[in-house]
Amino acid sequence: MRSLTSAMSTAPVGLVYREAEPPPAFTRVRLAQGEPAGPVIELRNSYLGGQSGRRILQPWRQGPDRSLVLLDLGWLVDGAKMPDFPPEQIQPQGYRMPTPHHFVLSGAAKGTAGPVDEVDEAALRRRYPGHWFQGVVVLENSPDPLLHWPVVPEFMPDRHYAYAIQWLLLGFCLTGLSWLMWRRRHEVH
């Protein structure tokens, strides 16, 4: 969580492709000379605040090397019409996160455009050849009527360690109580 908090307070850096690129680590980035490379992908079964909806993703080309990145434009509630917005309306600046993966059943739609249950990353790379960045860039400011997707890591060490300490203390308390009960039972009267 500390790395996420520090990423939010730092200025965005340019997204530069490197051959041995590390996985996304919630860094704040800005796309240079960004433009859409293809149609939007509507990732269904995405819940926000208890409501069912879909995440709107789109491949974008950026920079002088025309490298590719999957941009997370935002979240749209089910039943709402997908708006058409010009690329100039999108401020391509946000946070790098891992690609969203859903647990899907057999028969789920996997694809590179339109409504899908899972993004087919291999097909996406075949359809749009070039240098691809791992993960997605979640926009800081989603265009209306899309809602901003929360930038939260799947594993938050601070929360995990707090739970571990909580259960460890509970274990010590129960051990102490059981020792006291055993001692009272075996006292000589």
C-alpha atoms as a PDB file:
ATOM      1  CA  MET A   1       0.000   0.000   0.000  1.00  0.00           C
ATOM      2  CA  ARG A   2       2.920   2.320   0.669  1.00  0.00           C
ATOM      3  CA  SER A   3       4.094   1.950  -2.944  1.00  0.00           C
ATOM      4  CA  LEU A   4       0.595   2.796  -4.203  1.00  0.00           C
ATOM      5  CA  THR A   5       0.408   5.860  -1.942  1.00  0.00           C
ATOM      6  CA  SER A   6       3.837   7.043  -3.041  1.00  0.00           C
ATOM      7  CA  ALA A   7       2.929   6.450  -6.711  1.00  0.00           C
ATOM      8  CA  MET A   8      -0.139   8.670  -6.346  1.00  0.00           C
ATOM      9  CA  SER A   9       1.940  11.538  -4.986  1.00  0.00           C
ATOM     10  CA  THR A  10       4.656  11.455  -7.671  1.00  0.00           C
ATOM     11  CA  ALA A  11       4.538  13.100 -11.065  1.00  0.00           C
ATOM     12  CA  PRO A  12       3.743  10.769 -13.969  1.00  0.00           C
ATOM     13  CA  VAL A  13       6.654   9.496 -16.033  1.00  0.00           C
ATOM     14  CA  GLY A  14       6.710   8.766 -19.741  1.00  0.00           C
ATOM     15  CA  LEU A  15       5.921   5.204 -20.742  1.00  0.00           C
ATOM     16  CA  VAL A  16       9.070   3.910 -22.477  1.00  0.00           C
ATOM     17  CA  TYR A  17       9.345   0.379 -23.866  1.00  0.00           C
ATOM     18  CA  ARG A  18      12.267  -1.768 -22.733  1.00  0.00           C
ATOM     19  CA  GLU A  19      12.984  -5.285 -23.950  1.00  0.00           C
ATOM     20  CA  ALA A  20      13.168  -6.765 -20.429  1.00  0.00           C
ATOM     21  CA  GLU A  21      10.245  -4.856 -18.994  1.00  0.00           C
ATOM     22  CA  PRO A  22       9.308  -5.478 -15.351  1.00  0.00           C
ATOM     23  CA  PRO A  23       5.673  -6.284 -14.523  1.00  0.00           C
ATOM     24  CA  PRO A  24       3.352  -3.365 -13.720  1.00  0.00           C
ATOM     25  CA  ALA A  25       3.896  -2.003 -10.213  1.00  0.00           C
ATOM     26  CA  PHE A  26       1.217   0.707  -9.900  1.00  0.00           C
ATOM     27  CA  THR A  27       3.525   3.363 -11.304  1.00  0.00           C
ATOM     28  CA  ARG A  28       1.995   6.604 -12.498  1.00  0.00           C
ATOM     29  CA  VAL A  29       2.566   7.055 -16.249  1.00  0.00           C
ATOM     30  CA  ARG A  30       1.625   9.339 -19.117  1.00  0.00           C
ATOM     31  CA  LEU A  31       1.317   8.191 -22.724  1.00  0.00           C
ATOM     32  CA  ALA A  32       3.177  10.336 -25.267  1.00  0.00           C
ATOM     33  CA  GLN A  33       1.407  11.012 -28.571  1.00  0.00           C
ATOM     34  CA  GLY A  34      -1.244   8.429 -27.694  1.00  0.00           C
ATOM     35  CA  GLU A  35      -3.991   7.373 -30.093  1.00  0.00           C
ATOM     36  CA  PRO A  36      -6.421   4.437 -30.261  1.00  0.00           C
ATOM     37  CA  ALA A  37      -5.111   1.398 -32.139  1.00  0.00           C
ATOM     38  CA  GLY A  38      -8.398  -0.476 -32.302  1.00  0.00           C
ATOM     39  CA  PRO A  39     -11.976  -0.796 -31.064  1.00  0.00           C
ATOM     40  CA  VAL A  40     -12.952  -0.956 -27.409  1.00  0.00           C
ATOM     41  CA  ILE A  41     -13.131  -4.182 -25.429  1.00  0.00           C
ATOM     42  CA  GLU A  42     -16.055  -4.417 -22.997  1.00  0.00           C
ATOM     43  CA  LEU A  43     -14.955  -6.708 -20.167  1.00  0.00           C
ATOM     44  CA  ARG A  44     -18.215  -8.008 -18.682  1.00  0.00           C
ATOM     45  CA  ASN A  45     -18.824  -9.233 -15.122  1.00  0.00           C
ATOM     46  CA  SER A  46     -16.959  -6.350 -13.522  1.00  0.00           C
ATOM     47  CA  TYR A  47     -18.570  -5.249 -10.283  1.00  0.00           C
ATOM     48  CA  LEU A  48     -18.151  -1.793  -8.777  1.00  0.00           C
ATOM     49  CA  GLY A  49     -19.945  -0.818  -5.579  1.00  0.00           C
ATOM     50  CA  GLY A  50     -22.153  -3.919  -5.758  1.00  0.00           C
ATOM     51  CA  GLN A  51     -23.400  -3.074  -9.258  1.00  0.00           C
ATOM     52  CA  SER A  52     -22.800  -5.222 -12.319  1.00  0.00           C
ATOM     53  CA  GLY A  53     -21.109  -3.512 -15.207  1.00  0.00           C
ATOM     54  CA  ARG A  54     -18.241  -3.714 -17.657  1.00  0.00           C
ATOM     55  CA  ARG A  55     -14.743  -2.314 -17.823  1.00  0.00           C
ATOM     56  CA  ILE A  56     -14.011  -0.468 -21.040  1.00  0.00           C
ATOM     57  CA  LEU A  57     -10.522  -1.299 -22.352  1.00  0.00           C
ATOM     58  CA  GLN A  58      -8.891  -0.156 -25.593  1.00  0.00           C
ATOM     59  CA  PRO A  59      -5.508  -0.800 -27.223  1.00  0.00           C
ATOM     60  CA  TRP A  60      -3.552   2.433 -27.756  1.00  0.00           C
ATOM     61  CA  ARG A  61      -0.366   3.228 -29.663  1.00  0.00           C
ATOM     62  CA  GLN A  62       1.985   5.730 -28.090  1.00  0.00           C
ATOM     63  CA  GLY A  63       5.383   7.329 -28.378  1.00  0.00           C
ATOM     64  CA  PRO A  64       7.776   7.623 -31.298  1.00  0.00           C
ATOM     65  CA  ASP A  65       8.259   3.819 -31.410  1.00  0.00           C
ATOM     66  CA  ARG A  66       4.446   3.319 -31.686  1.00  0.00           C
ATOM     67  CA  SER A  67       4.487   0.770 -28.824  1.00  0.00           C
ATOM     68  CA  LEU A  68       1.140  -0.582 -27.626  1.00  0.00           C
ATOM     69  CA  VAL A  69      -0.615  -0.531 -24.264  1.00  0.00           C
ATOM     70  CA  LEU A  70      -4.066  -1.596 -23.122  1.00  0.00           C
ATOM     71  CA  LEU A  71      -5.822   1.478 -21.708  1.00  0.00           C
ATOM     72  CA  ASP A  72      -8.556   1.036 -19.074  1.00  0.00           C
ATOM     73  CA  LEU A  73     -10.918   3.892 -19.910  1.00  0.00           C
ATOM     74  CA  GLY A  74     -13.275   3.254 -16.998  1.00  0.00           C
ATOM     75  CA  TRP A  75     -16.365   1.327 -15.871  1.00  0.00           C
ATOM     76  CA  LEU A  76     -19.892   1.459 -17.268  1.00  0.00           C
ATOM     77  CA  VAL A  77     -22.994   0.066 -15.560  1.00  0.00           C
ATOM     78  CA  ASP A  78     -24.833  -2.748 -17.384  1.00  0.00           C
ATOM     79  CA  GLY A  79     -27.637  -1.477 -19.585  1.00  0.00           C
ATOM     80  CA  ALA A  80     -25.978   1.893 -20.279  1.00  0.00           C
ATOM     81  CA  LYS A  81     -25.156   2.669 -23.900  1.00  0.00           C
ATOM     82  CA  MET A  82     -21.469   2.788 -24.774  1.00  0.00           C
ATOM     83  CA  PRO A  83     -20.715   6.442 -25.614  1.00  0.00           C
ATOM     84  CA  ASP A  84     -18.655   7.606 -28.565  1.00  0.00           C
ATOM     85  CA  PHE A  85     -15.991  10.020 -27.428  1.00  0.00           C
ATOM     86  CA  PRO A  86     -13.180  11.516 -29.495  1.00  0.00           C
ATOM     87  CA  PRO A  87      -9.628  10.477 -28.564  1.00  0.00           C
ATOM     88  CA  GLU A  88      -8.846  14.131 -27.738  1.00  0.00           C
ATOM     89  CA  GLN A  89     -11.300  13.878 -24.822  1.00  0.00           C
ATOM     90  CA  ILE A  90      -9.156  11.174 -23.169  1.00  0.00           C
ATOM     91  CA  GLN A  91      -6.215  12.295 -21.052  1.00  0.00           C
ATOM     92  CA  PRO A  92      -3.877   9.274 -21.416  1.00  0.00           C
ATOM     93  CA  GLN A  93      -2.404   9.429 -17.935  1.00  0.00           C
ATOM     94  CA  GLY A  94      -2.891   6.913 -15.149  1.00  0.00           C
ATOM     95  CA  TYR A  95      -1.521   3.948 -13.221  1.00  0.00           C
ATOM     96  CA  ARG A  96      -0.004   0.716 -14.532  1.00  0.00           C
ATOM     97  CA  MET A  97      -1.748  -2.340 -13.140  1.00  0.00           C
ATOM     98  CA  PRO A  98      -1.795  -6.047 -13.969  1.00  0.00           C
ATOM     99  CA  THR A  99      -4.205  -7.094 -16.725  1.00  0.00           C
ATOM    100  CA  PRO A 100      -7.629  -7.901 -15.238  1.00  0.00           C
ATOM    101  CA  HIS A 101      -8.252 -11.645 -15.150  1.00  0.00           C
ATOM    102  CA  HIS A 102     -11.614 -13.167 -14.359  1.00  0.00           C
ATOM    103  CA  PHE A 103     -12.389 -16.687 -13.251  1.00  0.00           C
ATOM    104  CA  VAL A 104     -14.535 -17.780 -16.171  1.00  0.00           C
ATOM    105  CA  LEU A 105     -16.421 -20.951 -16.952  1.00  0.00           C
ATOM    106  CA  SER A 106     -16.055 -22.941 -20.132  1.00  0.00           C
ATOM    107  CA  GLY A 107     -17.978 -21.337 -22.954  1.00  0.00           C
ATOM    108  CA  ALA A 108     -17.044 -17.824 -21.843  1.00  0.00           C
ATOM    109  CA  ALA A 109     -16.359 -15.345 -24.641  1.00  0.00           C
ATOM    110  CA  LYS A 110     -12.662 -14.563 -25.013  1.00  0.00           C
ATOM    111  CA  GLY A 111     -11.757 -11.853 -27.497  1.00  0.00           C
ATOM    112  CA  THR A 112     -10.092  -8.640 -28.621  1.00  0.00           C
ATOM    113  CA  ALA A 113     -13.112  -6.413 -29.357  1.00  0.00           C
ATOM    114  CA  GLY A 114     -16.675  -5.884 -28.210  1.00  0.00           C
ATOM    115  CA  PRO A 115     -18.307  -7.569 -25.203  1.00  0.00           C
ATOM    116  CA  VAL A 116     -16.079 -10.338 -23.791  1.00  0.00           C
ATOM    117  CA  ASP A 117     -15.714 -12.282 -20.556  1.00  0.00           C
ATOM    118  CA  GLU A 118     -11.923 -12.389 -20.802  1.00  0.00           C
ATOM    119  CA  VAL A 119      -9.344 -10.452 -22.808  1.00  0.00           C
ATOM    120  CA  ASP A 120      -7.479 -12.739 -25.223  1.00  0.00           C
ATOM    121  CA  GLU A 121      -4.001 -11.257 -24.799  1.00  0.00           C
ATOM    122  CA  ALA A 122      -2.331 -13.601 -27.312  1.00  0.00           C
ATOM    123  CA  ALA A 123      -4.874 -12.742 -30.016  1.00  0.00           C
ATOM    124  CA  LEU A 124      -4.558  -9.049 -29.149  1.00  0.00           C
ATOM    125  CA  ARG A 125      -0.799  -9.193 -29.750  1.00  0.00           C
ATOM    126  CA  ARG A 126      -1.322 -11.027 -33.048  1.00  0.00           C
ATOM    127  CA  ARG A 127      -3.991  -8.555 -34.193  1.00  0.00           C
ATOM    128  CA  TYR A 128      -1.841  -5.517 -33.333  1.00  0.00           C
ATOM    129  CA  PRO A 129       1.827  -6.461 -33.839  1.00  0.00           C
ATOM    130  CA  GLY A 130       4.494  -4.407 -32.158  1.00  0.00           C
ATOM    131  CA  HIS A 131       5.989  -3.847 -28.735  1.00  0.00           C
ATOM    132  CA  TRP A 132       3.342  -4.386 -26.037  1.00  0.00           C
ATOM    133  CA  PHE A 133       3.513  -3.217 -22.437  1.00  0.00           C
ATOM    134  CA  GLN A 134       2.446  -5.719 -19.801  1.00  0.00           C
ATOM    135  CA  GLY A 135      -0.768  -4.988 -17.934  1.00  0.00           C
ATOM    136  CA  VAL A 136      -3.088  -2.021 -18.397  1.00  0.00           C
ATOM    137  CA  VAL A 137      -2.947   1.695 -17.739  1.00  0.00           C
ATOM    138  CA  VAL A 138      -5.972   2.705 -15.638  1.00  0.00           C
ATOM    139  CA  LEU A 139      -6.890   6.309 -16.419  1.00  0.00           C
ATOM    140  CA  GLU A 140      -6.802   8.837 -13.604  1.00  0.00           C
ATOM    141  CA  ASN A 141      -9.735  10.724 -15.107  1.00  0.00           C
ATOM    142  CA  SER A 142     -12.258   8.630 -16.996  1.00  0.00           C
ATOM    143  CA  PRO A 143     -14.368  10.453 -19.604  1.00  0.00           C
ATOM    144  CA  ASP A 144     -18.066  10.898 -18.754  1.00  0.00           C
ATOM    145  CA  PRO A 145     -20.234   8.797 -18.299  1.00  0.00           C
ATOM    146  CA  LEU A 146     -17.554   6.217 -17.440  1.00  0.00           C
ATOM    147  CA  LEU A 147     -16.588   5.831 -13.794  1.00  0.00           C
ATOM    148  CA  HIS A 148     -12.972   5.606 -12.644  1.00  0.00           C
ATOM    149  CA  TRP A 149     -11.886   2.038 -11.853  1.00  0.00           C
ATOM    150  CA  PRO A 150     -10.255   1.930  -8.392  1.00  0.00           C
ATOM    151  CA  VAL A 151      -6.486   1.460  -8.424  1.00  0.00           C
ATOM    152  CA  VAL A 152      -5.939  -1.082  -5.648  1.00  0.00           C
ATOM    153  CA  PRO A 153      -3.458  -3.956  -5.665  1.00  0.00           C
ATOM    154  CA  GLU A 154      -4.874  -7.483  -5.391  1.00  0.00           C
ATOM    155  CA  PHE A 155      -2.452  -8.273  -2.553  1.00  0.00           C
ATOM    156  CA  MET A 156      -1.951  -5.572   0.043  1.00  0.00           C
ATOM    157  CA  PRO A 157       0.902  -6.607   2.361  1.00  0.00           C
ATOM    158  CA  ASP A 158      -0.036  -4.171   5.132  1.00  0.00           C
ATOM    159  CA  ARG A 159      -3.504  -5.661   5.430  1.00  0.00           C
ATOM    160  CA  HIS A 160      -2.155  -9.212   5.185  1.00  0.00           C
ATOM    161  CA  TYR A 161       0.419  -8.669   7.923  1.00  0.00           C
ATOM    162  CA  ALA A 162      -2.165  -6.970  10.160  1.00  0.00           C
ATOM    163  CA  TYR A 163      -4.409 -10.035   9.860  1.00  0.00           C
ATOM    164  CA  ALA A 164      -1.470 -12.323  10.578  1.00  0.00           C
ATOM    165  CA  ILE A 165      -0.578 -10.387  13.741  1.00  0.00           C
ATOM    166  CA  GLN A 166      -4.225 -10.353  14.803  1.00  0.00           C
ATOM    167  CA  TRP A 167      -4.493 -14.147  14.526  1.00  0.00           C
ATOM    168  CA  LEU A 168      -1.115 -14.626  16.231  1.00  0.00           C
ATOM    169  CA  LEU A 169      -2.249 -12.520  19.210  1.00  0.00           C
ATOM    170  CA  LEU A 170      -5.543 -14.413  19.359  1.00  0.00           C
ATOM    171  CA  GLY A 171      -3.568 -17.678  19.416  1.00  0.00           C
ATOM    172  CA  PHE A 172      -1.382 -16.436  22.290  1.00  0.00           C
ATOM    173  CA  CYS A 173      -4.471 -15.331  24.263  1.00  0.00           C
ATOM    174  CA  LEU A 174      -6.182 -18.700  23.778  1.00  0.00           C
ATOM    175  CA  THR A 175      -2.994 -20.543  24.755  1.00  0.00           C
ATOM    176  CA  GLY A 176      -2.697 -18.407  27.901  1.00  0.00           C
ATOM    177  CA  LEU A 177      -6.347 -18.976  28.816  1.00  0.00           C
ATOM    178  CA  SER A 178      -6.077 -22.729  28.329  1.00  0.00           C
ATOM    179  CA  TRP A 179      -2.921 -22.799  30.489  1.00  0.00           C
ATOM    180  CA  LEU A 180      -4.742 -20.872  33.272  1.00  0.00           C
ATOM    181  CA  MET A 181      -7.712 -23.251  33.098  1.00  0.00           C
ATOM    182  CA  TRP A 182      -5.397 -26.289  33.237  1.00  0.00           C
ATOM    183  CA  ARG A 183      -3.555 -24.824  36.224  1.00  0.00           C
ATOM    184  CA  ARG A 184      -6.779 -24.140  38.164  1.00  0.00           C
ATOM    185  CA  ARG A 185      -7.976 -27.679  37.550  1.00  0.00           C
ATOM    186  CA  HIS A 186      -4.753 -29.190  38.848  1.00  0.00           C
ATOM    187  CA  GLU A 187      -4.287 -26.957  41.920  1.00  0.00           C
ATOM    188  CA  VAL A 188      -4.108 -28.684  45.291  1.00  0.00           C
ATOM    189  CA  HIS A 189      -6.935 -27.602  47.619  1.00  0.00           C
END
